[in-house]
Amino acid sequence: MLSNLRPSLFNTFSPYDPVWPTKPLAGVGGELDIASPQAVAEAFRTGLPEGIRRKRHRHVHLRTAVTEQDGRRTRHKLGVFLTEADAEEARRVIKPDVASCWIEPLPMVL
């Protein structure tokens, strides 16, 4: 059994990189088409059929924030957005109320 801290066998990582890699796994970019935001939204609403090879991918944007109260910091996942512009708008709205916030792009296969 592999350790949870062992580097991924599919995605290279350097301890000198400022963030964890968020690109699709090797081979994904060359074999899959990019899904539209509408297709991603539809997949969230209706689910995906079982047993069918997924042929599209897209990055979604996870908005994460940290709040601080009584010297204790808490991390919150605020929402997933289909476009970076929507995630940035959410950042503008919540920024005055949090210690820090950022967007994490996440690859999603449809």
PDB file of N, CA and C in Angstrom:
ATOM      1  N   MET A   1       0.843  -1.184   0.000  1.00  0.00           N
ATOM      2  CA  MET A   1       0.000   0.000   0.000  1.00  0.00           C
ATOM      3  C   MET A   1       0.887   1.246   0.000  1.00  0.00           C
ATOM      4  N   LEU A   2       0.533   2.222  -0.837  1.00  0.00           N
ATOM      5  CA  LEU A   2       1.322   3.438  -0.935  1.00  0.00           C
ATOM      6  C   LEU A   2       0.946   4.430   0.153  1.00  0.00           C
ATOM      7  N   SER A   3       1.912   5.196   0.603  1.00  0.00           N
ATOM      8  CA  SER A   3       1.673   6.238   1.602  1.00  0.00           C
ATOM      9  C   SER A   3       0.831   7.358   1.003  1.00  0.00           C
ATOM     10  N   ASN A   4      -0.023   7.995   1.813  1.00  0.00           N
ATOM     11  CA  ASN A   4      -0.800   9.146   1.354  1.00  0.00           C
ATOM     12  C   ASN A   4       0.091  10.334   1.005  1.00  0.00           C
ATOM     13  N   LEU A   5       1.308  10.358   1.517  1.00  0.00           N
ATOM     14  CA  LEU A   5       2.216  11.476   1.258  1.00  0.00           C
ATOM     15  C   LEU A   5       3.139  11.220   0.075  1.00  0.00           C
ATOM     16  N   ARG A   6       3.053  10.050  -0.534  1.00  0.00           N
ATOM     17  CA  ARG A   6       3.881   9.729  -1.695  1.00  0.00           C
ATOM     18  C   ARG A   6       3.454  10.598  -2.875  1.00  0.00           C
ATOM     19  N   PRO A   7       4.397  11.147  -3.648  1.00  0.00           N
ATOM     20  CA  PRO A   7       4.023  11.952  -4.826  1.00  0.00           C
ATOM     21  C   PRO A   7       3.209  11.134  -5.822  1.00  0.00           C
ATOM     22  N   SER A   8       2.387  11.811  -6.577  1.00  0.00           N
ATOM     23  CA  SER A   8       1.543  11.161  -7.569  1.00  0.00           C
ATOM     24  C   SER A   8       2.391  10.470  -8.626  1.00  0.00           C
ATOM     25  N   LEU A   9       1.925   9.324  -9.069  1.00  0.00           N
ATOM     26  CA  LEU A   9       2.603   8.615 -10.149  1.00  0.00           C
ATOM     27  C   LEU A   9       2.210   9.196 -11.509  1.00  0.00           C
ATOM     28  N   PHE A  10       1.170  10.035 -11.554  1.00  0.00           N
ATOM     29  CA  PHE A  10       0.624  10.530 -12.808  1.00  0.00           C
ATOM     30  C   PHE A  10       0.892  12.011 -13.055  1.00  0.00           C
ATOM     31  N   ASN A  11       1.210  12.773 -12.044  1.00  0.00           N
ATOM     32  CA  ASN A  11       1.371  14.217 -12.185  1.00  0.00           C
ATOM     33  C   ASN A  11       2.630  14.635 -11.437  1.00  0.00           C
ATOM     34  N   THR A  12       3.607  15.165 -12.147  1.00  0.00           N
ATOM     35  CA  THR A  12       4.866  15.511 -11.504  1.00  0.00           C
ATOM     36  C   THR A  12       4.684  16.707 -10.582  1.00  0.00           C
ATOM     37  N   PHE A  13       5.454  16.729  -9.516  1.00  0.00           N
ATOM     38  CA  PHE A  13       5.388  17.791  -8.525  1.00  0.00           C
ATOM     39  C   PHE A  13       6.797  18.079  -8.042  1.00  0.00           C
ATOM     40  N   SER A  14       7.096  19.350  -7.867  1.00  0.00           N
ATOM     41  CA  SER A  14       8.376  19.753  -7.313  1.00  0.00           C
ATOM     42  C   SER A  14       8.126  20.478  -5.997  1.00  0.00           C
ATOM     43  N   PRO A  15       8.896  20.187  -4.954  1.00  0.00           N
ATOM     44  CA  PRO A  15       8.688  20.890  -3.682  1.00  0.00           C
ATOM     45  C   PRO A  15       8.964  22.390  -3.802  1.00  0.00           C
ATOM     46  N   TYR A  16       9.563  22.808  -4.919  1.00  0.00           N
ATOM     47  CA  TYR A  16       9.852  24.225  -5.125  1.00  0.00           C
ATOM     48  C   TYR A  16       8.726  24.955  -5.853  1.00  0.00           C
ATOM     49  N   ASP A  17       7.717  24.205  -6.349  1.00  0.00           N
ATOM     50  CA  ASP A  17       6.563  24.840  -6.987  1.00  0.00           C
ATOM     51  C   ASP A  17       5.753  25.577  -5.927  1.00  0.00           C
ATOM     52  N   PRO A  18       5.226  26.763  -6.258  1.00  0.00           N
ATOM     53  CA  PRO A  18       4.471  27.521  -5.253  1.00  0.00           C
ATOM     54  C   PRO A  18       3.102  26.924  -4.928  1.00  0.00           C
ATOM     55  N   VAL A  19       2.513  26.135  -5.842  1.00  0.00           N
ATOM     56  CA  VAL A  19       1.213  25.514  -5.602  1.00  0.00           C
ATOM     57  C   VAL A  19       1.229  24.092  -6.137  1.00  0.00           C
ATOM     58  N   TRP A  20       0.314  23.280  -5.637  1.00  0.00           N
ATOM     59  CA  TRP A  20       0.169  21.907  -6.123  1.00  0.00           C
ATOM     60  C   TRP A  20      -0.295  21.942  -7.570  1.00  0.00           C
ATOM     61  N   PRO A  21       0.191  21.078  -8.460  1.00  0.00           N
ATOM     62  CA  PRO A  21      -0.225  21.111  -9.865  1.00  0.00           C
ATOM     63  C   PRO A  21      -1.715  20.815 -10.018  1.00  0.00           C
ATOM     64  N   THR A  22      -2.375  21.551 -10.921  1.00  0.00           N
ATOM     65  CA  THR A  22      -3.814  21.372 -11.134  1.00  0.00           C
ATOM     66  C   THR A  22      -4.136  21.032 -12.577  1.00  0.00           C
ATOM     67  N   LYS A  23      -3.136  20.661 -13.350  1.00  0.00           N
ATOM     68  CA  LYS A  23      -3.392  20.320 -14.753  1.00  0.00           C
ATOM     69  C   LYS A  23      -4.013  18.930 -14.868  1.00  0.00           C
ATOM     70  N   PRO A  24      -4.669  18.623 -15.988  1.00  0.00           N
ATOM     71  CA  PRO A  24      -5.208  17.270 -16.171  1.00  0.00           C
ATOM     72  C   PRO A  24      -4.082  16.243 -16.149  1.00  0.00           C
ATOM     73  N   LEU A  25      -4.410  15.009 -15.840  1.00  0.00           N
ATOM     74  CA  LEU A  25      -3.415  13.948 -15.819  1.00  0.00           C
ATOM     75  C   LEU A  25      -2.831  13.746 -17.211  1.00  0.00           C
ATOM     76  N   ALA A  26      -1.674  13.153 -17.269  1.00  0.00           N
ATOM     77  CA  ALA A  26      -0.997  12.933 -18.542  1.00  0.00           C
ATOM     78  C   ALA A  26      -1.927  12.228 -19.514  1.00  0.00           C
ATOM     79  N   GLY A  27      -1.987  12.701 -20.747  1.00  0.00           N
ATOM     80  CA  GLY A  27      -2.805  12.090 -21.777  1.00  0.00           C
ATOM     81  C   GLY A  27      -4.198  12.666 -21.873  1.00  0.00           C
ATOM     82  N   VAL A  28      -4.673  13.351 -20.834  1.00  0.00           N
ATOM     83  CA  VAL A  28      -6.036  13.867 -20.853  1.00  0.00           C
ATOM     84  C   VAL A  28      -6.196  14.952 -21.898  1.00  0.00           C
ATOM     85  N   GLY A  29      -5.269  15.904 -21.953  1.00  0.00           N
ATOM     86  CA  GLY A  29      -5.390  17.015 -22.886  1.00  0.00           C
ATOM     87  C   GLY A  29      -5.460  16.587 -24.338  1.00  0.00           C
ATOM     88  N   GLY A  30      -4.718  15.542 -24.714  1.00  0.00           N
ATOM     89  CA  GLY A  30      -4.693  15.107 -26.094  1.00  0.00           C
ATOM     90  C   GLY A  30      -5.874  14.234 -26.491  1.00  0.00           C
ATOM     91  N   GLU A  31      -6.578  13.671 -25.521  1.00  0.00           N
ATOM     92  CA  GLU A  31      -7.652  12.740 -25.837  1.00  0.00           C
ATOM     93  C   GLU A  31      -9.044  13.305 -25.613  1.00  0.00           C
ATOM     94  N   LEU A  32      -9.184  14.408 -24.887  1.00  0.00           N
ATOM     95  CA  LEU A  32     -10.493  14.930 -24.538  1.00  0.00           C
ATOM     96  C   LEU A  32     -10.722  16.316 -25.129  1.00  0.00           C
ATOM     97  N   ASP A  33     -11.988  16.599 -25.461  1.00  0.00           N
ATOM     98  CA  ASP A  33     -12.375  17.934 -25.898  1.00  0.00           C
ATOM     99  C   ASP A  33     -12.700  18.776 -24.669  1.00  0.00           C
ATOM    100  N   ILE A  34     -12.680  20.096 -24.825  1.00  0.00           N
ATOM    101  CA  ILE A  34     -13.035  20.986 -23.720  1.00  0.00           C
ATOM    102  C   ILE A  34     -14.544  21.162 -23.709  1.00  0.00           C
ATOM    103  N   ALA A  35     -15.151  20.919 -22.563  1.00  0.00           N
ATOM    104  CA  ALA A  35     -16.600  21.058 -22.411  1.00  0.00           C
ATOM    105  C   ALA A  35     -16.969  22.522 -22.232  1.00  0.00           C
ATOM    106  N   SER A  36     -18.150  22.891 -22.656  1.00  0.00           N
ATOM    107  CA  SER A  36     -18.640  24.261 -22.466  1.00  0.00           C
ATOM    108  C   SER A  36     -19.115  24.438 -21.031  1.00  0.00           C
ATOM    109  N   PRO A  37     -19.185  25.679 -20.541  1.00  0.00           N
ATOM    110  CA  PRO A  37     -19.757  25.897 -19.199  1.00  0.00           C
ATOM    111  C   PRO A  37     -21.184  25.354 -19.083  1.00  0.00           C
ATOM    112  N   GLN A  38     -21.949  25.443 -20.174  1.00  0.00           N
ATOM    113  CA  GLN A  38     -23.320  24.930 -20.159  1.00  0.00           C
ATOM    114  C   GLN A  38     -23.332  23.403 -19.960  1.00  0.00           C
ATOM    115  N   ALA A  39     -22.398  22.707 -20.604  1.00  0.00           N
ATOM    116  CA  ALA A  39     -22.320  21.256 -20.457  1.00  0.00           C
ATOM    117  C   ALA A  39     -21.954  20.870 -19.024  1.00  0.00           C
ATOM    118  N   VAL A  40     -21.057  21.649 -18.406  1.00  0.00           N
ATOM    119  CA  VAL A  40     -20.682  21.376 -17.013  1.00  0.00           C
ATOM    120  C   VAL A  40     -21.890  21.592 -16.096  1.00  0.00           C
ATOM    121  N   ALA A  41     -22.609  22.698 -16.310  1.00  0.00           N
ATOM    122  CA  ALA A  41     -23.794  22.978 -15.494  1.00  0.00           C
ATOM    123  C   ALA A  41     -24.832  21.872 -15.653  1.00  0.00           C
ATOM    124  N   GLU A  42     -25.040  21.414 -16.860  1.00  0.00           N
ATOM    125  CA  GLU A  42     -25.999  20.338 -17.112  1.00  0.00           C
ATOM    126  C   GLU A  42     -25.567  19.042 -16.414  1.00  0.00           C
ATOM    127  N   ALA A  43     -24.268  18.758 -16.410  1.00  0.00           N
ATOM    128  CA  ALA A  43     -23.764  17.563 -15.730  1.00  0.00           C
ATOM    129  C   ALA A  43     -24.011  17.646 -14.229  1.00  0.00           C
ATOM    130  N   PHE A  44     -23.860  18.842 -13.641  1.00  0.00           N
ATOM    131  CA  PHE A  44     -24.142  19.012 -12.216  1.00  0.00           C
ATOM    132  C   PHE A  44     -25.626  18.813 -11.932  1.00  0.00           C
ATOM    133  N   ARG A  45     -26.488  19.313 -12.813  1.00  0.00           N
ATOM    134  CA  ARG A  45     -27.938  19.231 -12.591  1.00  0.00           C
ATOM    135  C   ARG A  45     -28.480  17.817 -12.763  1.00  0.00           C
ATOM    136  N   THR A  46     -28.038  17.133 -13.799  1.00  0.00           N
ATOM    137  CA  THR A  46     -28.656  15.849 -14.147  1.00  0.00           C
ATOM    138  C   THR A  46     -27.801  14.638 -13.805  1.00  0.00           C
ATOM    139  N   GLY A  47     -26.540  14.839 -13.512  1.00  0.00           N
ATOM    140  CA  GLY A  47     -25.644  13.704 -13.273  1.00  0.00           C
ATOM    141  C   GLY A  47     -25.097  13.181 -14.592  1.00  0.00           C
ATOM    142  N   LEU A  48     -24.223  12.210 -14.500  1.00  0.00           N
ATOM    143  CA  LEU A  48     -23.594  11.644 -15.690  1.00  0.00           C
ATOM    144  C   LEU A  48     -24.022  10.190 -15.851  1.00  0.00           C
ATOM    145  N   PRO A  49     -24.238   9.737 -17.094  1.00  0.00           N
ATOM    146  CA  PRO A  49     -24.622   8.336 -17.306  1.00  0.00           C
ATOM    147  C   PRO A  49     -23.490   7.403 -16.898  1.00  0.00           C
ATOM    148  N   GLU A  50     -23.851   6.273 -16.325  1.00  0.00           N
ATOM    149  CA  GLU A  50     -22.857   5.290 -15.887  1.00  0.00           C
ATOM    150  C   GLU A  50     -22.418   4.425 -17.060  1.00  0.00           C
ATOM    151  N   GLY A  51     -21.157   4.025 -17.064  1.00  0.00           N
ATOM    152  CA  GLY A  51     -20.662   3.090 -18.053  1.00  0.00           C
ATOM    153  C   GLY A  51     -20.329   3.689 -19.400  1.00  0.00           C
ATOM    154  N   ILE A  52     -20.439   5.005 -19.550  1.00  0.00           N
ATOM    155  CA  ILE A  52     -20.109   5.655 -20.821  1.00  0.00           C
ATOM    156  C   ILE A  52     -18.773   6.371 -20.666  1.00  0.00           C
ATOM    157  N   ARG A  53     -17.878   6.184 -21.641  1.00  0.00           N
ATOM    158  CA  ARG A  53     -16.575   6.841 -21.591  1.00  0.00           C
ATOM    159  C   ARG A  53     -16.753   8.349 -21.657  1.00  0.00           C
ATOM    160  N   ARG A  54     -16.142   9.028 -20.744  1.00  0.00           N
ATOM    161  CA  ARG A  54     -16.232  10.488 -20.697  1.00  0.00           C
ATOM    162  C   ARG A  54     -15.226  11.064 -21.675  1.00  0.00           C
ATOM    163  N   LYS A  55     -15.690  11.997 -22.520  1.00  0.00           N
ATOM    164  CA  LYS A  55     -14.856  12.483 -23.620  1.00  0.00           C
ATOM    165  C   LYS A  55     -14.510  13.963 -23.519  1.00  0.00           C
ATOM    166  N   ARG A  56     -14.984  14.639 -22.457  1.00  0.00           N
ATOM    167  CA  ARG A  56     -14.733  16.082 -22.363  1.00  0.00           C
ATOM    168  C   ARG A  56     -14.188  16.433 -20.979  1.00  0.00           C
ATOM    169  N   HIS A  57     -13.475  17.552 -20.898  1.00  0.00           N
ATOM    170  CA  HIS A  57     -12.994  18.053 -19.612  1.00  0.00           C
ATOM    171  C   HIS A  57     -13.076  19.574 -19.597  1.00  0.00           C
ATOM    172  N   ARG A  58     -13.018  20.127 -18.412  1.00  0.00           N
ATOM    173  CA  ARG A  58     -13.000  21.573 -18.236  1.00  0.00           C
ATOM    174  C   ARG A  58     -12.498  21.849 -16.822  1.00  0.00           C
ATOM    175  N   HIS A  59     -11.895  23.011 -16.625  1.00  0.00           N
ATOM    176  CA  HIS A  59     -11.538  23.439 -15.278  1.00  0.00           C
ATOM    177  C   HIS A  59     -12.719  24.190 -14.674  1.00  0.00           C
ATOM    178  N   VAL A  60     -13.044  23.887 -13.431  1.00  0.00           N
ATOM    179  CA  VAL A  60     -13.976  24.692 -12.658  1.00  0.00           C
ATOM    180  C   VAL A  60     -13.142  25.458 -11.638  1.00  0.00           C
ATOM    181  N   HIS A  61     -13.729  26.454 -11.006  1.00  0.00           N
ATOM    182  CA  HIS A  61     -12.968  27.357 -10.141  1.00  0.00           C
ATOM    183  C   HIS A  61     -13.530  27.310  -8.730  1.00  0.00           C
ATOM    184  N   LEU A  62     -12.739  26.775  -7.791  1.00  0.00           N
ATOM    185  CA  LEU A  62     -13.145  26.636  -6.404  1.00  0.00           C
ATOM    186  C   LEU A  62     -12.724  27.886  -5.638  1.00  0.00           C
ATOM    187  N   ARG A  63     -13.677  28.558  -5.026  1.00  0.00           N
ATOM    188  CA  ARG A  63     -13.390  29.747  -4.213  1.00  0.00           C
ATOM    189  C   ARG A  63     -13.186  29.274  -2.779  1.00  0.00           C
ATOM    190  N   THR A  64     -12.011  29.561  -2.215  1.00  0.00           N
ATOM    191  CA  THR A  64     -11.650  29.168  -0.855  1.00  0.00           C
ATOM    192  C   THR A  64     -11.291  30.422  -0.071  1.00  0.00           C
ATOM    193  N   ALA A  65     -11.664  30.458   1.201  1.00  0.00           N
ATOM    194  CA  ALA A  65     -11.371  31.615   2.045  1.00  0.00           C
ATOM    195  C   ALA A  65     -10.946  31.152   3.432  1.00  0.00           C
ATOM    196  N   VAL A  66     -10.237  32.030   4.120  1.00  0.00           N
ATOM    197  CA  VAL A  66      -9.827  31.783   5.500  1.00  0.00           C
ATOM    198  C   VAL A  66     -10.391  32.909   6.357  1.00  0.00           C
ATOM    199  N   THR A  67     -11.063  32.528   7.450  1.00  0.00           N
ATOM    200  CA  THR A  67     -11.526  33.516   8.415  1.00  0.00           C
ATOM    201  C   THR A  67     -10.693  33.361   9.682  1.00  0.00           C
ATOM    202  N   GLU A  68     -10.622  34.442  10.451  1.00  0.00           N
ATOM    203  CA  GLU A  68      -9.868  34.402  11.692  1.00  0.00           C
ATOM    204  C   GLU A  68     -10.732  34.971  12.806  1.00  0.00           C
ATOM    205  N   GLN A  69     -10.875  34.182  13.885  1.00  0.00           N
ATOM    206  CA  GLN A  69     -11.659  34.628  15.024  1.00  0.00           C
ATOM    207  C   GLN A  69     -10.983  34.129  16.297  1.00  0.00           C
ATOM    208  N   ASP A  70     -10.744  35.028  17.232  1.00  0.00           N
ATOM    209  CA  ASP A  70     -10.093  34.683  18.502  1.00  0.00           C
ATOM    210  C   ASP A  70      -8.753  33.993  18.275  1.00  0.00           C
ATOM    211  N   GLY A  71      -8.017  34.456  17.275  1.00  0.00           N
ATOM    212  CA  GLY A  71      -6.707  33.896  16.984  1.00  0.00           C
ATOM    213  C   GLY A  71      -6.730  32.544  16.298  1.00  0.00           C
ATOM    214  N   ARG A  72      -7.907  32.045  15.941  1.00  0.00           N
ATOM    215  CA  ARG A  72      -8.027  30.744  15.275  1.00  0.00           C
ATOM    216  C   ARG A  72      -8.439  30.935  13.823  1.00  0.00           C
ATOM    217  N   ARG A  73      -7.680  30.334  12.919  1.00  0.00           N
ATOM    218  CA  ARG A  73      -7.978  30.442  11.493  1.00  0.00           C
ATOM    219  C   ARG A  73      -8.776  29.220  11.041  1.00  0.00           C
ATOM    220  N   THR A  74      -9.816  29.480  10.237  1.00  0.00           N
ATOM    221  CA  THR A  74     -10.658  28.410   9.713  1.00  0.00           C
ATOM    222  C   THR A  74     -10.729  28.548   8.200  1.00  0.00           C
ATOM    223  N   ARG A  75     -10.570  27.426   7.499  1.00  0.00           N
ATOM    224  CA  ARG A  75     -10.618  27.411   6.034  1.00  0.00           C
ATOM    225  C   ARG A  75     -12.018  27.002   5.584  1.00  0.00           C
ATOM    226  N   HIS A  76     -12.563  27.718   4.584  1.00  0.00           N
ATOM    227  CA  HIS A  76     -13.914  27.466   4.088  1.00  0.00           C
ATOM    228  C   HIS A  76     -13.894  27.296   2.569  1.00  0.00           C
ATOM    229  N   LYS A  77     -14.571  26.268   2.074  1.00  0.00           N
ATOM    230  CA  LYS A  77     -14.827  26.123   0.636  1.00  0.00           C
ATOM    231  C   LYS A  77     -16.131  26.853   0.373  1.00  0.00           C
ATOM    232  N   LEU A  78     -16.093  27.949  -0.383  1.00  0.00           N
ATOM    233  CA  LEU A  78     -17.263  28.804  -0.547  1.00  0.00           C
ATOM    234  C   LEU A  78     -18.135  28.442  -1.731  1.00  0.00           C
ATOM    235  N   GLY A  79     -17.567  27.875  -2.758  1.00  0.00           N
ATOM    236  CA  GLY A  79     -18.371  27.521  -3.917  1.00  0.00           C
ATOM    237  C   GLY A  79     -17.516  27.172  -5.103  1.00  0.00           C
ATOM    238  N   VAL A  80     -18.145  26.502  -6.062  1.00  0.00           N
ATOM    239  CA  VAL A  80     -17.497  26.141  -7.317  1.00  0.00           C
ATOM    240  C   VAL A  80     -18.153  26.954  -8.422  1.00  0.00           C
ATOM    241  N   PHE A  81     -17.343  27.586  -9.254  1.00  0.00           N
ATOM    242  CA  PHE A  81     -17.843  28.459 -10.315  1.00  0.00           C
ATOM    243  C   PHE A  81     -17.389  27.935 -11.667  1.00  0.00           C
ATOM    244  N   LEU A  82     -18.250  28.123 -12.672  1.00  0.00           N
ATOM    245  CA  LEU A  82     -17.933  27.635 -14.014  1.00  0.00           C
ATOM    246  C   LEU A  82     -16.923  28.523 -14.717  1.00  0.00           C
ATOM    247  N   THR A  83     -16.895  29.812 -14.376  1.00  0.00           N
ATOM    248  CA  THR A  83     -15.938  30.716 -15.022  1.00  0.00           C
ATOM    249  C   THR A  83     -15.092  31.417 -13.961  1.00  0.00           C
ATOM    250  N   GLU A  84     -13.892  31.776 -14.347  1.00  0.00           N
ATOM    251  CA  GLU A  84     -13.010  32.497 -13.435  1.00  0.00           C
ATOM    252  C   GLU A  84     -13.592  33.872 -13.105  1.00  0.00           C
ATOM    253  N   ALA A  85     -14.286  34.493 -14.076  1.00  0.00           N
ATOM    254  CA  ALA A  85     -14.905  35.808 -13.835  1.00  0.00           C
ATOM    255  C   ALA A  85     -15.945  35.723 -12.719  1.00  0.00           C
ATOM    256  N   ASP A  86     -16.764  34.660 -12.701  1.00  0.00           N
ATOM    257  CA  ASP A  86     -17.746  34.489 -11.629  1.00  0.00           C
ATOM    258  C   ASP A  86     -17.055  34.292 -10.281  1.00  0.00           C
ATOM    259  N   ALA A  87     -15.960  33.533 -10.260  1.00  0.00           N
ATOM    260  CA  ALA A  87     -15.217  33.317  -9.020  1.00  0.00           C
ATOM    261  C   ALA A  87     -14.587  34.622  -8.532  1.00  0.00           C
ATOM    262  N   GLU A  88     -14.106  35.429  -9.454  1.00  0.00           N
ATOM    263  CA  GLU A  88     -13.539  36.731  -9.080  1.00  0.00           C
ATOM    264  C   GLU A  88     -14.610  37.663  -8.516  1.00  0.00           C
ATOM    265  N   GLU A  89     -15.810  37.616  -9.077  1.00  0.00           N
ATOM    266  CA  GLU A  89     -16.909  38.432  -8.554  1.00  0.00           C
ATOM    267  C   GLU A  89     -17.228  38.021  -7.117  1.00  0.00           C
ATOM    268  N   ALA A  90     -17.237  36.726  -6.846  1.00  0.00           N
ATOM    269  CA  ALA A  90     -17.469  36.251  -5.483  1.00  0.00           C
ATOM    270  C   ALA A  90     -16.359  36.742  -4.554  1.00  0.00           C
ATOM    271  N   ARG A  91     -15.145  36.772  -5.043  1.00  0.00           N
ATOM    272  CA  ARG A  91     -14.025  37.271  -4.241  1.00  0.00           C
ATOM    273  C   ARG A  91     -14.234  38.735  -3.864  1.00  0.00           C
ATOM    274  N   ARG A  92     -14.695  39.529  -4.816  1.00  0.00           N
ATOM    275  CA  ARG A  92     -14.918  40.951  -4.553  1.00  0.00           C
ATOM    276  C   ARG A  92     -15.953  41.141  -3.446  1.00  0.00           C
ATOM    277  N   VAL A  93     -16.982  40.294  -3.462  1.00  0.00           N
ATOM    278  CA  VAL A  93     -18.069  40.419  -2.491  1.00  0.00           C
ATOM    279  C   VAL A  93     -17.632  40.007  -1.085  1.00  0.00           C
ATOM    280  N   ILE A  94     -16.853  38.925  -0.964  1.00  0.00           N
ATOM    281  CA  ILE A  94     -16.523  38.404   0.362  1.00  0.00           C
ATOM    282  C   ILE A  94     -15.209  38.917   0.935  1.00  0.00           C
ATOM    283  N   LYS A  95     -14.345  39.513   0.110  1.00  0.00           N
ATOM    284  CA  LYS A  95     -13.008  39.901   0.557  1.00  0.00           C
ATOM    285  C   LYS A  95     -12.996  40.742   1.828  1.00  0.00           C
ATOM    286  N   PRO A  96     -13.912  41.710   2.017  1.00  0.00           N
ATOM    287  CA  PRO A  96     -13.858  42.500   3.256  1.00  0.00           C
ATOM    288  C   PRO A  96     -14.090  41.678   4.530  1.00  0.00           C
ATOM    289  N   ASP A  97     -14.678  40.504   4.415  1.00  0.00           N
ATOM    290  CA  ASP A  97     -15.058  39.718   5.591  1.00  0.00           C
ATOM    291  C   ASP A  97     -14.129  38.556   5.906  1.00  0.00           C
ATOM    292  N   VAL A  98     -13.065  38.370   5.122  1.00  0.00           N
ATOM    293  CA  VAL A  98     -12.195  37.215   5.342  1.00  0.00           C
ATOM    294  C   VAL A  98     -10.745  37.658   5.451  1.00  0.00           C
ATOM    295  N   ALA A  99      -9.932  36.814   6.112  1.00  0.00           N
ATOM    296  CA  ALA A  99      -8.512  37.110   6.254  1.00  0.00           C
ATOM    297  C   ALA A  99      -7.782  36.973   4.919  1.00  0.00           C
ATOM    298  N   SER A 100      -8.146  35.962   4.136  1.00  0.00           N
ATOM    299  CA  SER A 100      -7.591  35.779   2.794  1.00  0.00           C
ATOM    300  C   SER A 100      -8.534  34.894   1.995  1.00  0.00           C
ATOM    301  N   CYS A 101      -8.457  35.010   0.667  1.00  0.00           N
ATOM    302  CA  CYS A 101      -9.256  34.139  -0.193  1.00  0.00           C
ATOM    303  C   CYS A 101      -8.546  33.981  -1.528  1.00  0.00           C
ATOM    304  N   TRP A 102      -8.830  32.886  -2.204  1.00  0.00           N
ATOM    305  CA  TRP A 102      -8.165  32.585  -3.469  1.00  0.00           C
ATOM    306  C   TRP A 102      -9.038  31.652  -4.290  1.00  0.00           C
ATOM    307  N   ILE A 103      -8.639  31.492  -5.557  1.00  0.00           N
ATOM    308  CA  ILE A 103      -9.310  30.583  -6.483  1.00  0.00           C
ATOM    309  C   ILE A 103      -8.390  29.401  -6.744  1.00  0.00           C
ATOM    310  N   GLU A 104      -8.943  28.195  -6.680  1.00  0.00           N
ATOM    311  CA  GLU A 104      -8.194  26.990  -7.031  1.00  0.00           C
ATOM    312  C   GLU A 104      -8.830  26.393  -8.283  1.00  0.00           C
ATOM    313  N   PRO A 105      -8.122  26.374  -9.431  1.00  0.00           N
ATOM    314  CA  PRO A 105      -8.684  25.719 -10.619  1.00  0.00           C
ATOM    315  C   PRO A 105      -8.639  24.201 -10.446  1.00  0.00           C
ATOM    316  N   LEU A 106      -9.758  23.538 -10.739  1.00  0.00           N
ATOM    317  CA  LEU A 106      -9.840  22.084 -10.579  1.00  0.00           C
ATOM    318  C   LEU A 106     -10.241  21.450 -11.897  1.00  0.00           C
ATOM    319  N   PRO A 107      -9.473  20.472 -12.400  1.00  0.00           N
ATOM    320  CA  PRO A 107      -9.878  19.781 -13.614  1.00  0.00           C
ATOM    321  C   PRO A 107     -11.057  18.857 -13.319  1.00  0.00           C
ATOM    322  N   MET A 108     -12.016  18.844 -14.235  1.00  0.00           N
ATOM    323  CA  MET A 108     -13.203  18.012 -14.075  1.00  0.00           C
ATOM    324  C   MET A 108     -13.465  17.316 -15.400  1.00  0.00           C
ATOM    325  N   VAL A 109     -13.665  16.010 -15.362  1.00  0.00           N
ATOM    326  CA  VAL A 109     -13.926  15.246 -16.570  1.00  0.00           C
ATOM    327  C   VAL A 109     -15.418  14.957 -16.655  1.00  0.00           C
ATOM    328  N   LEU A 110     -16.029  15.253 -17.825  1.00  0.00           N
ATOM    329  CA  LEU A 110     -17.446  14.983 -18.045  1.00  0.00           C
ATOM    330  C   LEU A 110     -17.598  13.735 -18.892  1.00  0.00           C
TER     331      LEU A 110
END
